[in-house]
């Protein structure tokens, strides 16, 4: 067994091993992730533009959707550009400060998305289960407060773990078996006692991931129960169509996120978790605009109106 002591020189950079087991697929993966990144940016920016410029979409539901698209645009940009650079150049090194910065912004945005998805589920709960109180609870001021608390909570909460990681000493191996700087691979490389750090991280994961998930789950249990009590089939379909897109996004996002962070990491599960990480870091931001545009009549109508304006030279 090798021991690393604190008086050794601390490492100043890490090596992201990423998809090293697939050297023959590096160019293919580069092209694949490049197309995904371009499509993700285009889709989410299109959603934001439609929501800003179409007055029919100036409602709380689409205000939250616009913030979700903005969030997806930002957080996919913390992962994919560096991954594309690594796949193209073969240079897998990342500085300690660069790794810490990537970790902070990415995990802060993941926490923000968890909070934002719970706010969106509460919005649908009010719209379907308590429509008489919807306008009072979802005023413009309330929507801004919900959004502000989601963004501020995600970034402030994660600053605690980031500050704690910055105080750790890394004096041993510097290979991170992942394609981005994540919490568990980082603390596993530290030569300090990370027991308290792991407890802190687990507590924050419960607060910013599991708790919002439970609130979202409770909202949808109430929503589904209310929908099932609607006497007409048409009424049930109309009510469910207003929340089906959001429910699909929640299922994909939390299904992968909770498996990655709530289950223990073992050698047998490490590669599987890496694949699941691709889903919530790369594929979820891509499918979100597709789900909301293809399954939402208002968004499709706004897109048709925008296309007609451009066709007649009014855009």
Protein backbone atom coordinates (compact mmCIF):
# COMPACT_ATOMS: atom_id res chain seq x y z
CA UNK A 1 0.00 0.00 0.00
CA UNK A 2 1.29 3.44 -0.92
CA UNK A 3 0.95 6.34 1.53
CA UNK A 4 0.96 10.01 0.53
CA UNK A 5 1.94 12.56 3.13
CA UNK A 6 0.86 16.17 3.46
CA UNK A 7 4.42 17.47 3.16
CA UNK A 8 4.61 16.24 -0.42
CA UNK A 9 4.17 18.68 -3.26
CA UNK A 10 0.48 19.21 -4.03
CA UNK A 11 -0.52 18.47 -7.60
CA UNK A 12 -1.57 21.45 -9.69
CA UNK A 13 -3.42 19.69 -12.49
CA UNK A 14 -5.60 16.66 -13.11
CA UNK A 15 -5.96 14.26 -16.02
CA UNK A 16 -9.55 13.60 -17.14
CA UNK A 17 -9.47 10.02 -18.40
CA UNK A 18 -12.89 10.37 -20.01
CA UNK A 19 -13.50 7.79 -22.74
CA UNK A 20 -9.93 6.50 -22.82
CA UNK A 21 -11.12 2.91 -23.29
CA UNK A 22 -12.47 3.85 -26.74
CA UNK A 23 -9.41 5.33 -28.53
CA UNK A 24 -10.63 4.25 -31.96
CA UNK A 25 -13.88 6.19 -31.49
CA UNK A 26 -12.40 9.58 -30.50
CA UNK A 27 -13.16 11.28 -33.83
CA UNK A 28 -16.64 9.76 -33.98
CA UNK A 29 -17.35 10.88 -30.40
CA UNK A 30 -16.05 14.37 -31.21
CA UNK A 31 -18.40 14.71 -34.19
CA UNK A 32 -21.31 13.22 -32.24
CA UNK A 33 -20.90 15.54 -29.25
CA UNK A 34 -20.29 18.53 -31.55
CA UNK A 35 -23.62 17.93 -33.30
CA UNK A 36 -25.34 17.44 -29.93
CA UNK A 37 -23.84 20.67 -28.57
CA UNK A 38 -24.86 22.70 -31.63
CA UNK A 39 -28.38 21.23 -31.57
CA UNK A 40 -28.68 21.85 -27.82
CA UNK A 41 -27.64 25.49 -28.13
CA UNK A 42 -29.87 26.09 -31.14
CA UNK A 43 -32.91 24.41 -29.58
CA UNK A 44 -32.72 26.12 -26.21
CA UNK A 45 -31.92 29.54 -27.68
CA UNK A 46 -34.90 29.14 -30.03
CA UNK A 47 -37.18 28.37 -27.07
CA UNK A 48 -35.92 31.49 -25.23
CA UNK A 49 -36.39 33.72 -28.29
CA UNK A 50 -39.94 32.45 -28.89
CA UNK A 51 -40.90 33.02 -25.25
CA UNK A 52 -39.44 36.54 -25.20
CA UNK A 53 -40.99 37.76 -28.46
CA UNK A 54 -44.36 35.95 -28.55
CA UNK A 55 -46.83 37.66 -26.22
CA UNK A 56 -48.99 34.52 -26.12
CA UNK A 57 -46.19 32.80 -24.21
CA UNK A 58 -45.90 35.50 -21.54
CA UNK A 59 -47.31 33.27 -18.81
CA UNK A 60 -45.71 31.82 -15.65
CA UNK A 61 -45.35 28.36 -17.19
CA UNK A 62 -43.36 29.68 -20.16
CA UNK A 63 -41.42 32.11 -18.00
CA UNK A 64 -40.13 29.11 -16.04
CA UNK A 65 -39.53 27.21 -19.27
CA UNK A 66 -37.46 30.09 -20.63
CA UNK A 67 -35.33 30.04 -17.48
CA UNK A 68 -34.93 26.27 -17.81
CA UNK A 69 -33.69 26.69 -21.40
CA UNK A 70 -31.28 29.41 -20.28
CA UNK A 71 -30.02 27.12 -17.53
CA UNK A 72 -29.58 24.20 -19.95
CA UNK A 73 -27.64 26.45 -22.34
CA UNK A 74 -25.26 27.55 -19.59
CA UNK A 75 -24.65 24.24 -17.92
CA UNK A 76 -24.08 22.21 -21.06
CA UNK A 77 -21.47 24.85 -21.98
CA UNK A 78 -19.50 24.05 -18.82
CA UNK A 79 -18.99 20.45 -19.96
CA UNK A 80 -19.14 19.99 -23.73
CA UNK A 81 -16.61 22.59 -25.00
CA UNK A 82 -13.84 21.18 -22.80
CA UNK A 83 -14.86 17.62 -23.72
CA UNK A 84 -14.73 18.48 -27.43
CA UNK A 85 -11.29 20.06 -27.01
CA UNK A 86 -10.03 16.94 -25.24
CA UNK A 87 -11.43 14.58 -27.89
CA UNK A 88 -9.92 16.63 -30.71
CA UNK A 89 -6.50 17.43 -29.26
CA UNK A 90 -5.99 14.42 -27.02
CA UNK A 91 -4.85 16.73 -24.20
CA UNK A 92 -6.68 15.47 -21.11
CA UNK A 93 -5.06 17.77 -18.54
CA UNK A 94 -7.00 20.39 -16.62
CA UNK A 95 -5.60 22.75 -13.99
CA UNK A 96 -6.74 22.54 -10.39
CA UNK A 97 -8.37 25.98 -10.61
CA UNK A 98 -10.01 25.06 -13.93
CA UNK A 99 -11.31 21.81 -12.48
CA UNK A 100 -12.69 23.56 -9.40
CA UNK A 101 -14.34 26.24 -11.55
CA UNK A 102 -15.96 23.64 -13.80
CA UNK A 103 -17.18 21.71 -10.77
CA UNK A 104 -18.64 24.82 -9.12
CA UNK A 105 -20.60 26.11 -12.10
CA UNK A 106 -21.83 22.73 -13.28
CA UNK A 107 -23.02 21.43 -9.91
CA UNK A 108 -24.52 24.83 -9.03
CA UNK A 109 -26.59 24.67 -12.20
CA UNK A 110 -27.62 21.08 -11.52
CA UNK A 111 -28.83 22.15 -8.06
CA UNK A 112 -30.61 25.14 -9.63
CA UNK A 113 -32.32 22.85 -12.13
CA UNK A 114 -33.55 20.59 -9.34
CA UNK A 115 -35.07 23.60 -7.58
CA UNK A 116 -36.48 25.00 -10.82
CA UNK A 117 -38.13 21.70 -11.79
CA UNK A 118 -39.84 21.60 -8.39
CA UNK A 119 -41.08 25.17 -8.93
CA UNK A 120 -42.42 24.18 -12.37
CA UNK A 121 -44.22 21.19 -10.85
CA UNK A 122 -45.75 23.49 -8.22
CA UNK A 123 -46.90 25.77 -11.03
CA UNK A 124 -48.67 22.84 -12.73
CA UNK A 125 -50.11 21.73 -9.38
CA UNK A 126 -51.72 25.13 -8.85
CA UNK A 127 -52.97 25.31 -12.44
CA UNK A 128 -54.69 21.92 -12.28
CA UNK A 129 -55.52 21.35 -8.62
CA UNK A 130 -56.19 24.92 -7.42
CA UNK A 131 -56.98 27.01 -10.52
CA UNK A 132 -58.94 29.58 -8.50
CA UNK A 133 -55.80 30.52 -6.55
CA UNK A 134 -53.40 30.32 -9.50
CA UNK A 135 -53.34 34.01 -10.38
CA UNK A 136 -52.75 35.04 -6.76
CA UNK A 137 -49.91 32.56 -6.15
CA UNK A 138 -48.26 32.95 -9.57
CA UNK A 139 -48.16 36.72 -9.94
CA UNK A 140 -45.23 38.36 -11.71
CA UNK A 141 -43.61 39.18 -8.38
CA UNK A 142 -44.00 35.60 -7.13
CA UNK A 143 -42.50 34.16 -10.34
CA UNK A 144 -39.45 36.39 -10.00
CA UNK A 145 -39.06 35.35 -6.37
CA UNK A 146 -39.28 31.66 -7.28
CA UNK A 147 -36.68 32.06 -10.02
CA UNK A 148 -34.38 34.19 -7.87
CA UNK A 149 -34.48 31.69 -5.00
CA UNK A 150 -33.78 28.79 -7.39
CA UNK A 151 -30.70 30.41 -8.95
CA UNK A 152 -29.42 31.91 -5.70
CA UNK A 153 -30.02 28.73 -3.72
CA UNK A 154 -28.20 26.54 -6.23
CA UNK A 155 -25.12 28.76 -6.43
CA UNK A 156 -24.88 29.62 -2.73
CA UNK A 157 -25.46 26.05 -1.60
CA UNK A 158 -22.78 24.62 -3.83
CA UNK A 159 -20.24 27.28 -2.81
CA UNK A 160 -19.95 25.42 0.51
CA UNK A 161 -18.70 22.19 -1.07
CA UNK A 162 -16.50 24.08 -3.55
CA UNK A 163 -14.83 25.98 -0.73
CA UNK A 164 -14.32 22.72 1.17
CA UNK A 165 -12.74 21.03 -1.87
CA UNK A 166 -10.39 24.00 -2.34
CA UNK A 167 -9.03 23.35 1.16
CA UNK A 168 -8.18 19.71 0.43
CA UNK A 169 -4.66 18.59 -0.39
CA UNK A 170 -4.10 16.50 -3.52
CA UNK A 171 -0.70 14.86 -3.36
CA UNK A 172 -1.26 11.44 -4.88
CA UNK A 173 -2.49 10.20 -8.27
CA UNK A 174 -4.12 12.90 -10.39
CA UNK A 175 -6.16 10.71 -12.76
CA UNK A 176 -9.91 11.45 -12.68
CA UNK A 177 -11.85 8.55 -14.18
CA UNK A 178 -14.54 10.81 -15.63
CA UNK A 179 -15.08 13.22 -18.50
CA UNK A 180 -15.58 16.22 -16.20
CA UNK A 181 -14.64 17.29 -12.66
CA UNK A 182 -17.22 15.77 -10.36
CA UNK A 183 -17.43 15.55 -6.59
CA UNK A 184 -16.77 11.87 -5.88
CA UNK A 185 -13.77 11.45 -8.23
CA UNK A 186 -12.23 14.62 -6.77
CA UNK A 187 -12.50 13.76 -3.09
CA UNK A 188 -11.31 10.21 -3.80
CA UNK A 189 -7.99 11.70 -4.95
CA UNK A 190 -7.44 13.76 -1.81
CA UNK A 191 -4.86 12.64 0.74
CA UNK A 192 -6.83 14.30 3.57
CA UNK A 193 -9.45 12.61 5.70
CA UNK A 194 -12.58 13.31 3.63
CA UNK A 195 -15.15 11.74 5.96
CA UNK A 196 -16.64 15.11 7.01
CA UNK A 197 -16.46 16.33 3.43
CA UNK A 198 -18.45 13.30 2.27
CA UNK A 199 -21.06 13.85 4.98
CA UNK A 200 -21.39 17.51 4.01
CA UNK A 201 -21.71 16.65 0.33
CA UNK A 202 -24.30 13.95 1.05
CA UNK A 203 -26.33 16.39 3.16
CA UNK A 204 -26.31 19.01 0.40
CA UNK A 205 -27.28 16.39 -2.19
CA UNK A 206 -30.27 15.49 -0.01
CA UNK A 207 -31.26 19.16 0.27
CA UNK A 208 -30.78 20.17 -3.35
CA UNK A 209 -31.63 16.92 -5.16
CA UNK A 210 -33.71 14.52 -3.08
CA UNK A 211 -35.90 17.12 -1.34
CA UNK A 212 -36.87 18.92 -4.60
CA UNK A 213 -37.49 15.49 -6.15
CA UNK A 214 -39.86 14.54 -3.32
CA UNK A 215 -41.68 17.88 -3.64
CA UNK A 216 -42.00 17.33 -7.38
CA UNK A 217 -43.24 13.78 -6.81
CA UNK A 218 -45.85 14.96 -4.31
CA UNK A 219 -47.05 17.62 -6.76
CA UNK A 220 -47.54 15.06 -9.51
CA UNK A 221 -49.30 12.61 -7.22
CA UNK A 222 -51.82 15.37 -6.47
CA UNK A 223 -52.00 16.33 -10.16
CA UNK A 224 -52.65 12.76 -11.34
CA UNK A 225 -55.24 12.22 -8.61
CA UNK A 226 -57.04 15.40 -9.68
CA UNK A 227 -56.89 14.46 -13.38
CA UNK A 228 -58.37 11.02 -12.70
CA UNK A 229 -61.36 12.67 -11.00
CA UNK A 230 -62.21 14.68 -14.14
CA UNK A 231 -65.37 13.05 -15.57
CA UNK A 232 -64.77 13.60 -19.29
CA UNK A 233 -62.03 11.91 -21.31
CA UNK A 234 -61.39 15.12 -23.23
CA UNK A 235 -60.96 17.05 -20.00
CA UNK A 236 -58.49 14.50 -18.65
CA UNK A 237 -56.45 14.57 -21.86
CA UNK A 238 -56.37 18.37 -21.91
CA UNK A 239 -55.30 18.58 -18.25
CA UNK A 240 -52.60 15.93 -18.65
CA UNK A 241 -51.24 17.54 -21.84
CA UNK A 242 -50.35 20.69 -19.87
CA UNK A 243 -47.93 18.78 -17.62
CA UNK A 244 -46.87 15.73 -19.67
CA UNK A 245 -43.83 17.49 -21.17
CA UNK A 246 -42.56 18.60 -17.78
CA UNK A 247 -43.19 15.14 -16.32
CA UNK A 248 -41.11 13.58 -19.12
CA UNK A 249 -38.21 15.97 -18.46
CA UNK A 250 -38.38 15.32 -14.70
CA UNK A 251 -38.33 11.55 -15.22
CA UNK A 252 -35.27 11.62 -17.51
CA UNK A 253 -33.34 14.10 -15.37
CA UNK A 254 -33.97 12.63 -11.93
CA UNK A 255 -33.88 9.03 -13.10
CA UNK A 256 -30.22 9.35 -14.08
CA UNK A 257 -29.17 11.93 -11.47
CA UNK A 258 -30.36 9.97 -8.44
CA UNK A 259 -28.73 6.74 -9.64
CA UNK A 260 -25.40 8.51 -10.16
CA UNK A 261 -25.29 10.32 -6.82
CA UNK A 262 -27.41 8.30 -4.41
CA UNK A 263 -25.96 4.83 -5.09
CA UNK A 264 -22.45 3.90 -3.91
CA UNK A 265 -19.67 3.97 -6.49
CA UNK A 266 -17.99 0.62 -7.11
CA UNK A 267 -15.65 -0.64 -9.80
CA UNK A 268 -18.53 -2.55 -11.37
CA UNK A 269 -20.77 0.55 -11.46
CA UNK A 270 -18.19 3.22 -12.35
CA UNK A 271 -18.45 2.81 -16.15
CA UNK A 272 -22.23 2.47 -15.93
CA UNK A 273 -22.45 5.70 -13.92
CA UNK A 274 -20.23 7.43 -16.47
CA UNK A 275 -22.71 6.48 -19.21
CA UNK A 276 -25.62 7.72 -17.07
CA UNK A 277 -23.73 10.98 -16.52
CA UNK A 278 -23.82 11.51 -20.29
CA UNK A 279 -27.62 11.42 -20.09
CA UNK A 280 -28.09 14.22 -17.57
CA UNK A 281 -25.10 16.32 -18.69
CA UNK A 282 -25.38 16.01 -22.47
CA UNK A 283 -28.64 14.42 -23.60
CA UNK A 284 -31.12 16.02 -21.18
CA UNK A 285 -30.33 19.60 -22.34
CA UNK A 286 -30.76 18.34 -25.92
CA UNK A 287 -34.12 16.61 -25.48
CA UNK A 288 -35.72 19.30 -23.31
CA UNK A 289 -36.41 21.76 -26.18
CA UNK A 290 -37.49 18.85 -28.40
CA UNK A 291 -39.96 17.60 -25.80
CA UNK A 292 -41.41 21.03 -25.13
CA UNK A 293 -41.63 22.01 -28.81
CA UNK A 294 -42.96 18.73 -30.19
CA UNK A 295 -45.51 18.12 -27.42
CA UNK A 296 -46.65 21.69 -26.79
CA UNK A 297 -49.26 23.31 -29.03
CA UNK A 298 -48.51 26.87 -27.91
CA UNK A 299 -44.79 26.55 -28.63
CA UNK A 300 -45.47 24.97 -32.04
CA UNK A 301 -47.90 27.77 -32.88
CA UNK A 302 -45.36 30.41 -31.82
CA UNK A 303 -42.77 28.72 -34.03
CA UNK A 304 -45.19 28.70 -37.00
CA UNK A 305 -45.91 32.40 -36.51
CA UNK A 306 -42.19 33.18 -36.37
CA UNK A 307 -41.60 31.19 -39.56
CA UNK A 308 -44.42 33.03 -41.33
CA UNK A 309 -42.97 36.39 -40.30
CA UNK A 310 -39.52 35.41 -41.56
CA UNK A 311 -40.99 34.11 -44.80
CA UNK A 312 -42.61 37.46 -45.49
CA UNK A 313 -39.53 39.44 -44.53
CA UNK A 314 -40.83 40.73 -41.20
CA UNK A 315 -38.28 39.11 -38.89
